[in-house]
Amino acid sequence: MDRAHIRGGEVVKLYNGEAYRIELTGGVTVSPLVIGWTNGADSIVEYELVKTDISTGPDTTVDKSRVVTANKVTDTRTKRDMTAQEIADRDAVSADIAKVELDKDKKFKAVLKVCWHIVKDTVPVNAKSNPNNFLTWVRSLV
């Protein structure tokens, strides 16, 4: 990407090269995309991506920032080591997701057991006679 379409100080879209056609406010179509072109609130400006890697370990994160000026858009990506708190938060979320997946797996297996018993007609007699007994029996499989 080497140029950006901005409107009113906000990035509309990023482009790589001139070979694009864009529609501006008021129905005006522009092609090719020439850096420095301006029409009302719309401008085609230079785009720059700055990448910095200051990480030293395996647990990293990327901080992103964007600066939009009248003649340039600069995106900054800084790869850095995660703080102890960020690692703890990530691990806590991972543990929660694993617990939810385990609960889903247990429920799925219980449903399969119920289906198997129904197909094989091996549902206990007392569970067949009363819906509450049936629910109690299903819960016992979980």
Protein backbone atom coordinates (compact mmCIF):
# COMPACT_ATOMS: atom_id res chain seq x y z
CA MET A 1 0.00 0.00 0.00
CA ASP A 2 1.39 3.36 -0.91
CA ARG A 3 -1.59 5.70 -1.04
CA ALA A 4 -4.76 6.34 0.91
CA HIS A 5 -8.14 7.85 0.15
CA ILE A 6 -9.17 10.12 3.02
CA ARG A 7 -12.42 11.98 3.52
CA GLY A 8 -12.86 14.51 6.27
CA GLY A 9 -9.78 13.32 8.15
CA GLU A 10 -10.80 9.63 8.11
CA VAL A 11 -9.25 6.87 5.99
CA VAL A 12 -11.76 5.49 3.48
CA LYS A 13 -9.47 2.88 1.90
CA LEU A 14 -5.81 2.06 1.24
CA TYR A 15 -4.46 1.43 -2.28
CA ASN A 16 -1.31 0.03 -3.84
CA GLY A 17 -0.46 1.99 -6.98
CA GLU A 18 -2.48 4.16 -9.33
CA ALA A 19 -4.50 1.49 -11.16
CA TYR A 20 -7.76 1.97 -9.28
CA ARG A 21 -10.96 3.88 -9.76
CA ILE A 22 -12.77 5.43 -6.82
CA GLU A 23 -16.05 7.25 -6.53
CA LEU A 24 -15.99 10.40 -4.46
CA THR A 25 -18.72 12.46 -2.88
CA GLY A 26 -20.93 14.06 -5.46
CA GLY A 27 -20.51 11.16 -7.89
CA VAL A 28 -17.08 12.23 -9.15
CA THR A 29 -14.95 9.28 -10.32
CA VAL A 30 -11.17 9.44 -10.11
CA SER A 31 -8.67 7.29 -11.98
CA PRO A 32 -5.67 7.02 -11.77
CA LEU A 33 -5.07 7.72 -8.10
CA VAL A 34 -2.49 10.49 -8.04
CA ILE A 35 -1.03 11.43 -4.67
CA GLY A 36 -1.91 15.01 -3.83
CA TRP A 37 -5.22 15.06 -5.67
CA THR A 38 -7.99 16.82 -3.68
CA ASN A 39 -11.69 17.37 -4.31
CA GLY A 40 -13.66 18.92 -1.45
CA ALA A 41 -13.40 16.61 1.57
CA ASP A 42 -11.76 13.82 -0.48
CA SER A 43 -7.98 13.52 -0.90
CA ILE A 44 -5.48 10.99 -2.21
CA VAL A 45 -2.45 11.08 0.07
CA GLU A 46 0.75 9.15 0.72
CA TYR A 47 0.49 6.08 2.95
CA GLU A 48 3.31 4.70 5.07
CA LEU A 49 3.46 1.58 7.24
CA VAL A 50 6.13 1.63 9.93
CA LYS A 51 6.93 -1.72 11.57
CA THR A 52 9.09 -2.02 14.67
CA ASP A 53 10.02 -5.23 16.50
CA ILE A 54 11.26 -4.69 20.06
CA SER A 55 10.22 -8.12 21.35
CA THR A 56 12.68 -10.45 23.04
CA GLY A 57 10.56 -13.46 24.01
CA PRO A 58 7.89 -15.81 22.72
CA ASP A 59 4.87 -14.04 24.27
CA THR A 60 4.34 -10.98 22.10
CA THR A 61 1.61 -8.58 21.09
CA VAL A 62 1.33 -5.86 18.48
CA ASP A 63 0.39 -2.27 19.30
CA LYS A 64 -1.24 -0.43 16.40
CA SER A 65 -1.69 3.27 15.84
CA ARG A 66 -2.73 5.48 12.92
CA VAL A 67 -1.96 9.14 12.32
CA VAL A 68 -3.95 10.92 9.61
CA THR A 69 -2.79 14.33 8.44
CA ALA A 70 -3.84 16.43 5.45
CA ASN A 71 -1.06 14.99 3.26
CA LYS A 72 -0.10 11.62 4.77
CA VAL A 73 -1.44 8.56 6.59
CA THR A 74 1.02 6.71 8.82
CA ASP A 75 0.23 3.33 10.40
CA THR A 76 2.61 2.13 13.10
CA ARG A 77 2.89 -1.51 14.22
CA THR A 78 5.12 -2.18 17.21
CA LYS A 79 5.73 -5.81 18.19
CA ARG A 80 6.59 -5.99 21.87
CA ASP A 81 6.72 -8.45 24.76
CA MET A 82 3.48 -8.97 26.64
CA THR A 83 3.32 -7.75 30.23
CA ALA A 84 2.75 -10.25 33.03
CA GLN A 85 -0.85 -9.00 33.36
CA GLU A 86 -1.52 -9.45 29.62
CA ILE A 87 -0.19 -13.03 29.78
CA ALA A 88 -2.37 -13.78 32.81
CA ASP A 89 -5.45 -12.32 31.08
CA ARG A 90 -4.77 -14.33 27.92
CA ASP A 91 -4.31 -17.55 29.89
CA ALA A 92 -7.51 -16.92 31.89
CA VAL A 93 -9.51 -16.44 28.69
CA SER A 94 -7.97 -19.60 27.22
CA ALA A 95 -8.92 -21.57 30.34
CA ASP A 96 -12.51 -20.25 30.18
CA ILE A 97 -12.79 -21.25 26.52
CA ALA A 98 -11.43 -24.73 27.30
CA LYS A 99 -14.00 -25.14 30.12
CA VAL A 100 -16.87 -24.11 27.82
CA GLU A 101 -15.67 -26.55 25.15
CA LEU A 102 -15.44 -29.34 27.75
CA ASP A 103 -19.00 -28.59 28.95
CA LYS A 104 -20.25 -28.64 25.34
CA ASP A 105 -18.48 -31.97 24.80
CA LYS A 106 -20.10 -33.50 27.91
CA LYS A 107 -23.56 -32.34 26.84
CA PHE A 108 -23.04 -33.65 23.32
CA LYS A 109 -21.98 -37.05 24.65
CA ALA A 110 -25.04 -37.13 26.93
CA VAL A 111 -27.32 -36.39 23.96
CA LEU A 112 -25.65 -39.19 22.02
CA LYS A 113 -26.20 -41.58 24.96
CA VAL A 114 -29.88 -40.64 25.15
CA CYS A 115 -30.29 -41.15 21.39
CA TRP A 116 -28.53 -44.51 21.59
CA HIS A 117 -30.82 -45.68 24.42
CA ILE A 118 -33.92 -44.49 22.55
CA VAL A 119 -32.86 -46.24 19.34
CA LYS A 120 -31.97 -49.45 21.18
CA ASP A 121 -35.16 -49.09 23.26
CA THR A 122 -33.18 -49.41 26.49
CA VAL A 123 -34.59 -46.34 28.23
CA PRO A 124 -35.44 -47.32 31.81
CA VAL A 125 -39.13 -48.12 32.31
CA ASN A 126 -39.64 -45.44 34.99
CA ALA A 127 -38.14 -42.83 32.65
CA LYS A 128 -40.61 -43.77 29.92
CA SER A 129 -43.62 -43.37 32.19
CA ASN A 130 -43.08 -39.78 33.39
CA PRO A 131 -41.45 -36.75 31.70
CA ASN A 132 -39.87 -35.65 34.97
CA ASN A 133 -38.32 -39.08 35.44
CA PHE A 134 -37.04 -38.91 31.86
CA LEU A 135 -35.35 -35.55 32.51
CA THR A 136 -33.83 -36.87 35.73
CA TRP A 137 -32.47 -39.86 33.84
CA VAL A 138 -31.03 -37.63 31.09
CA ARG A 139 -29.33 -35.41 33.68
CA SER A 140 -27.80 -38.49 35.28
CA LEU A 141 -25.98 -39.18 32.00
CA VAL A 142 -24.20 -35.83 32.03
